[in-house]
Protein backbone atom coordinates (compact mmCIF):
# COMPACT_ATOMS: atom_id res chain seq x y z
CA MET A 1 -3.99 -0.26 18.69
CA SER A 2 -5.55 -2.34 21.44
CA ALA A 3 -3.07 -5.16 20.83
CA MET A 4 -0.12 -2.73 20.93
CA LEU A 5 -1.27 -1.19 24.20
CA LYS A 6 -1.90 -4.62 25.68
CA GLU A 7 1.60 -5.79 24.76
CA GLN A 8 3.18 -2.79 26.49
CA LEU A 9 0.97 -3.20 29.55
CA VAL A 10 1.86 -6.88 29.85
CA LYS A 11 5.55 -5.95 29.82
CA VAL A 12 4.96 -3.74 32.87
CA PHE A 13 3.73 -6.76 34.85
CA SER A 14 6.28 -9.19 33.37
CA LEU A 15 8.10 -9.52 36.72
CA MET A 16 4.93 -10.19 38.68
CA LYS A 17 3.48 -13.60 39.48
CA PRO A 18 3.06 -15.67 36.26
CA GLY A 19 -0.55 -15.94 35.14
CA MET A 20 -1.74 -13.03 37.27
CA LEU A 21 -3.09 -11.09 34.29
CA PHE A 22 -4.63 -14.15 32.65
CA GLN A 23 -7.64 -14.23 34.94
CA TYR A 24 -8.25 -10.52 34.32
CA GLU A 25 -7.69 -10.60 30.57
CA ALA A 26 -11.30 -9.66 29.75
CA GLU A 27 -11.16 -6.66 32.10
CA LEU A 28 -7.83 -5.60 30.61
CA ASP A 29 -9.17 -5.72 27.06
CA ALA A 30 -12.27 -3.76 28.09
CA PHE A 31 -10.13 -1.13 29.82
CA LEU A 32 -7.93 -0.63 26.76
CA GLU A 33 -10.96 -0.41 24.46
CA PHE A 34 -12.46 2.16 26.82
CA LEU A 35 -9.29 4.26 26.71
CA ILE A 36 -9.31 4.24 22.91
CA TRP A 37 -12.99 5.26 22.89
CA ARG A 38 -12.46 7.94 25.55
CA PHE A 39 -9.64 9.73 23.72
CA SER A 40 -11.01 9.33 20.20
CA ILE A 41 -14.75 9.00 19.61
CA TRP A 42 -15.85 10.71 22.83
CA VAL A 43 -13.90 13.88 21.97
CA ASP A 44 -15.05 13.84 18.32
CA LYS A 45 -11.80 12.41 16.99
CA PRO A 46 -11.34 9.30 14.84
CA THR A 47 -9.54 6.24 16.13
CA PRO A 48 -5.92 5.85 14.94
CA GLY A 49 -6.88 3.32 12.28
CA ILE A 50 -9.76 5.44 11.00
CA ALA A 51 -7.56 8.55 10.99
CA LEU A 52 -5.02 6.82 8.73
CA MET A 53 -7.79 6.31 6.20
CA ASN A 54 -8.96 9.96 6.43
CA LEU A 55 -12.36 8.96 7.82
CA ARG A 56 -14.68 10.17 10.56
CA TYR A 57 -18.07 9.23 11.97
CA ARG A 58 -21.14 11.12 10.78
CA ASN A 59 -24.66 11.13 12.19
CA GLU A 60 -26.88 9.86 9.37
CA ARG A 61 -30.09 10.56 11.31
CA ALA A 62 -29.42 14.28 11.16
CA LEU A 63 -28.85 14.10 7.41
CA GLU A 64 -32.10 12.18 6.87
CA ALA A 65 -33.97 15.08 8.48
CA ARG A 66 -32.14 17.67 6.37
CA GLY A 67 -32.41 15.90 3.07
CA LYS A 68 -29.75 15.38 0.44
CA VAL A 69 -26.24 16.76 0.81
CA ARG A 70 -23.92 17.97 -1.90
CA THR A 71 -20.75 16.14 -0.86
CA GLY A 72 -19.82 13.27 1.42
CA LEU A 73 -17.86 15.61 3.68
CA GLU A 74 -20.92 17.38 5.04
CA GLY A 75 -22.85 16.44 8.14
CA PRO A 76 -22.47 16.67 11.90
CA GLY A 77 -20.63 14.22 14.10
CA LEU A 78 -22.15 11.79 16.55
CA THR A 79 -24.36 12.96 19.38
CA VAL A 80 -23.62 12.31 23.04
CA ALA A 81 -26.21 9.53 23.13
CA GLN A 82 -24.69 7.84 20.09
CA LYS A 83 -21.22 8.00 21.63
CA LEU A 84 -22.42 6.50 24.90
CA TRP A 85 -24.33 3.71 23.17
CA TYR A 86 -21.27 3.03 21.02
CA CYS A 87 -19.21 2.56 24.17
CA VAL A 88 -21.86 0.35 25.76
CA ALA A 89 -22.14 -1.84 22.65
CA THR A 90 -18.45 -2.17 21.82
CA VAL A 91 -16.74 -2.09 25.22
CA GLY A 92 -19.50 -3.36 27.50
CA GLY A 93 -21.00 -5.80 25.02
CA GLN A 94 -17.71 -7.48 24.20
CA TYR A 95 -16.75 -7.67 27.88
CA ILE A 96 -20.06 -9.21 28.97
CA TRP A 97 -20.02 -11.71 26.11
CA ALA A 98 -16.43 -12.76 26.82
CA ARG A 99 -17.16 -13.24 30.53
CA LEU A 100 -20.36 -15.13 29.80
CA GLN A 101 -18.58 -17.53 27.47
CA SER A 102 -15.70 -18.14 29.88
CA PHE A 103 -18.09 -18.65 32.81
CA SER A 104 -20.27 -21.10 30.88
CA ALA A 105 -17.23 -23.02 29.68
CA PHE A 106 -15.76 -23.17 33.22
CA ARG A 107 -19.08 -24.37 34.66
CA ARG A 108 -19.49 -26.86 31.78
CA TRP A 109 -22.98 -25.82 30.86
CA GLY A 110 -22.66 -27.72 27.59
CA ASP A 111 -22.21 -31.12 29.24
CA SER A 112 -25.13 -33.47 28.86
CA GLU A 113 -24.92 -34.42 32.55
CA GLN A 114 -25.76 -30.90 33.68
CA ARG A 115 -29.24 -29.91 34.73
CA SER A 116 -31.68 -28.77 32.08
CA VAL A 117 -31.50 -25.05 32.98
CA ALA A 118 -27.72 -24.83 32.41
CA ARG A 119 -27.97 -26.92 29.27
CA GLY A 120 -30.73 -24.70 27.92
CA ALA A 121 -28.70 -21.57 28.68
CA TRP A 122 -25.74 -23.05 26.78
CA ILE A 123 -27.93 -23.81 23.76
CA LEU A 124 -29.36 -20.28 23.90
CA ILE A 125 -25.85 -18.78 23.94
CA GLN A 126 -24.85 -20.84 20.92
CA ARG A 127 -27.97 -19.81 19.01
CA ILE A 128 -27.46 -16.14 19.81
CA GLU A 129 -23.89 -16.38 18.60
CA GLY A 130 -25.01 -18.09 15.40
CA LEU A 131 -27.67 -15.45 14.74
CA TYR A 132 -25.17 -12.67 15.34
CA LYS A 133 -22.69 -14.20 12.89
CA ALA A 134 -25.43 -14.63 10.29
CA ALA A 135 -26.55 -11.02 10.76
CA SER A 136 -22.93 -9.83 10.51
CA PHE A 137 -22.51 -11.73 7.26
CA GLY A 138 -25.69 -10.18 5.87
CA ASN A 139 -24.47 -6.74 6.94
CA LEU A 140 -21.16 -7.42 5.18
CA LEU A 141 -22.99 -8.13 1.92
CA LEU A 142 -24.96 -4.91 2.29
CA PHE A 143 -21.78 -3.01 3.05
CA LEU A 144 -20.10 -4.34 -0.09
CA TYR A 145 -23.15 -3.30 -2.12
CA THR A 146 -23.90 0.12 -0.61
CA GLY A 147 -20.66 1.10 1.14
CA ARG A 148 -22.42 2.02 4.38
CA TYR A 149 -22.13 0.72 7.97
CA ARG A 150 -19.27 -1.74 8.39
CA ASN A 151 -20.85 -3.59 11.32
CA LEU A 152 -24.19 -4.01 13.04
CA ILE A 153 -23.40 -1.48 15.77
CA GLU A 154 -22.83 1.30 13.25
CA ARG A 155 -26.02 0.35 11.41
CA ALA A 156 -28.08 0.38 14.61
CA LEU A 157 -26.68 3.76 15.69
CA LYS A 158 -26.75 5.26 12.18
CA ALA A 159 -23.06 6.13 12.50
CA ARG A 160 -21.48 6.20 9.09
CA LEU A 161 -17.82 6.60 8.17
CA VAL A 162 -17.20 9.43 5.70
CA TYR A 163 -14.16 11.36 4.52
CA GLY A 164 -12.72 13.77 7.04
CA SER A 165 -11.00 16.15 4.63
CA PRO A 166 -11.03 16.49 0.83
CA ASN A 167 -7.23 16.24 0.50
CA MET A 168 -4.88 13.90 2.29
CA ASN A 169 -1.22 13.05 1.91
CA ARG A 170 -0.46 9.37 1.61
CA ALA A 171 1.19 8.10 4.80
CA VAL A 172 3.09 5.36 2.94
CA SER A 173 4.69 6.10 -0.41
CA PHE A 174 4.17 3.96 -3.48
CA GLU A 175 7.91 3.25 -3.60
CA TYR A 176 7.84 1.57 -0.21
CA MET A 177 4.68 -0.35 -1.09
CA ASN A 178 6.16 -1.59 -4.36
CA ARG A 179 9.32 -2.67 -2.57
CA GLN A 180 7.30 -4.63 -0.05
CA LEU A 181 5.25 -6.31 -2.80
CA VAL A 182 8.37 -7.31 -4.72
CA TRP A 183 10.05 -8.70 -1.62
CA ASN A 184 6.95 -10.66 -0.58
CA GLU A 185 6.56 -12.20 -4.02
CA PHE A 186 10.27 -13.04 -4.20
CA SER A 187 10.26 -14.70 -0.77
CA GLU A 188 7.18 -16.75 -1.66
CA MET A 189 8.84 -17.87 -4.89
CA LEU A 190 11.95 -18.98 -2.97
CA LEU A 191 9.87 -20.86 -0.43
CA LEU A 192 8.17 -22.68 -3.29
CA LEU A 193 11.26 -23.49 -5.37
CA LEU A 194 13.95 -24.24 -2.81
CA PRO A 195 12.41 -27.52 -1.56
CA LEU A 196 12.19 -28.71 -5.18
CA LEU A 197 15.88 -28.17 -5.94
CA ASN A 198 18.45 -30.92 -5.44
CA SER A 199 21.53 -29.55 -3.69
CA SER A 200 23.93 -32.05 -5.22
CA SER A 201 22.64 -31.38 -8.74
CA MET A 202 23.05 -27.65 -8.22
CA LYS A 203 26.62 -28.17 -7.00
CA ASN A 204 27.46 -30.25 -10.06
CA LEU A 205 25.89 -27.61 -12.29
CA LEU A 206 27.88 -24.78 -10.71
CA ARG A 207 31.14 -26.71 -10.31
CA PRO A 208 32.58 -25.74 -13.75
CA PHE A 209 32.14 -22.06 -12.81
CA SER A 210 33.75 -22.43 -9.41
CA LYS A 211 37.26 -21.14 -8.79
CA ASP A 212 38.03 -23.92 -6.31
CA LYS A 213 39.42 -26.84 -8.32
CA SER A 214 40.51 -28.91 -5.31
CA SER A 215 37.45 -31.15 -5.28
CA SER A 216 39.45 -33.97 -6.84
CA SER A 217 42.35 -33.64 -4.43
CA LYS A 218 43.44 -36.43 -2.15
CA GLU A 219 42.10 -34.68 0.95
CA ASP A 220 38.57 -34.52 -0.46
CA ASP A 221 38.63 -38.23 -1.17
CA PHE A 222 38.49 -38.87 2.58
CA THR A 223 35.53 -36.55 3.25
CA CYS A 224 31.88 -37.01 2.50
CA PRO A 225 30.92 -34.79 -0.47
CA ILE A 226 27.51 -34.11 1.08
CA CYS A 227 28.29 -33.09 4.66
CA GLN A 228 31.97 -32.26 4.02
CA ALA A 229 33.04 -34.21 7.13
CA SER A 230 35.03 -37.36 7.74
CA PRO A 231 32.61 -40.32 7.48
CA THR A 232 32.05 -42.08 10.79
CA VAL A 233 30.44 -45.06 9.06
CA PRO A 234 32.01 -44.91 5.57
CA PHE A 235 30.20 -46.43 2.60
CA LEU A 236 31.22 -46.57 -1.03
CA ALA A 237 28.99 -45.54 -3.89
CA LEU A 238 28.98 -48.11 -6.64
CA PRO A 239 30.30 -48.20 -9.29
CA CYS A 240 32.33 -44.98 -8.85
CA GLN A 241 33.83 -46.05 -5.47
CA HIS A 242 33.57 -42.60 -3.90
CA ARG A 243 33.30 -42.49 -0.12
CA TYR A 244 30.20 -41.18 1.70
CA CYS A 245 28.65 -41.21 5.13
CA TYR A 246 26.13 -43.99 5.38
CA TYR A 247 23.37 -41.66 6.52
CA CYS A 248 24.08 -39.05 3.81
CA LEU A 249 24.22 -41.58 1.01
CA ARG A 250 21.25 -43.62 2.23
CA THR A 251 18.95 -40.61 2.60
CA ARG A 252 19.92 -39.19 -0.80
CA CYS A 253 19.33 -42.49 -2.56
CA ALA A 254 16.00 -42.93 -0.79
CA ALA A 255 14.87 -39.40 -1.67
CA VAL A 256 16.10 -39.43 -5.28
CA PRO A 257 15.89 -42.83 -7.05
CA ALA A 258 18.21 -41.66 -9.85
CA PHE A 259 20.72 -40.03 -7.52
CA ARG A 260 24.10 -39.24 -9.08
CA CYS A 261 27.44 -39.04 -7.35
CA SER A 262 28.26 -35.55 -6.13
CA ARG A 263 31.88 -35.90 -7.27
CA CYS A 264 31.71 -37.50 -10.70
CA ASN A 265 28.01 -37.17 -11.53
CA GLU A 266 27.78 -40.91 -12.25
CA PRO A 267 24.52 -42.72 -11.41
CA ILE A 268 24.69 -44.68 -8.16
CA VAL A 269 23.24 -48.16 -8.46
CA ALA A 270 24.34 -49.63 -5.13
CA MET A 271 26.28 -48.90 -1.95
CA GLN A 272 28.88 -50.97 -0.11
CA ARG A 273 30.47 -50.64 3.31
CA HIS A 274 34.06 -49.44 3.12
CA VAL A 275 36.57 -51.72 4.81
CA ASN A 276 39.95 -50.20 5.68
CA GLU A 277 42.84 -52.21 4.29
CA PRO A 278 45.17 -53.54 6.99
CA LYS A 279 48.53 -51.84 7.22
CA GLN A 280 51.57 -53.94 6.32
């Protein structure tokens, strides 16, 4: 959702000075994230992505005080404090971290020639980032095992995603999903097989089934059977004496050692420059 809003907003300023929004990209991202938070979580509504999955945020601290619940649909939403801290952590935290990284990279804190304070700050930033990634990976393993708290922010705030309603209609039908799966698999198969197929061999294989029987006509004898154009530098394929472009014949013979003539399907063992006979 943030990427879609950003794309539309960039189109608004497309006629402005080039690169004007680049220096304010961090502020723009933070503003869009704030808008999504303001009109979703702050008013006790799920974000568009969470709504598609029929989920909502629940305050787990309130459930711990009550005890066990009968179903996963029970429980109150987030408190005002949890909402505010969620905004500070997601919107403010990401903005501050992005600005800090860009500022340190612009000032070249990581260079060895810099003073010790800047160098130490750069090392500290890298260590904090490494610790955060390690903690996120550990949280991912816990999430896969328990099914709670997708990220560290949700775990710290005790904000858990649960079902919003017991029944939900599927937004995308199985027919459309199956069609997409079939098309994706078919396109991947074509991308894998097409580079392995030899075009001339396929033409020779399909030639008996073709309705056009003019391949052996006199006009085709003066065109290259590969590019179907008049050869600028004509060469003859030996021993069948059929005429080719030098580039077409040379590349085919280099790519396929046992290349066969596209007209007669005879193996080509050599190539010779064609010399026009003088007119009498």
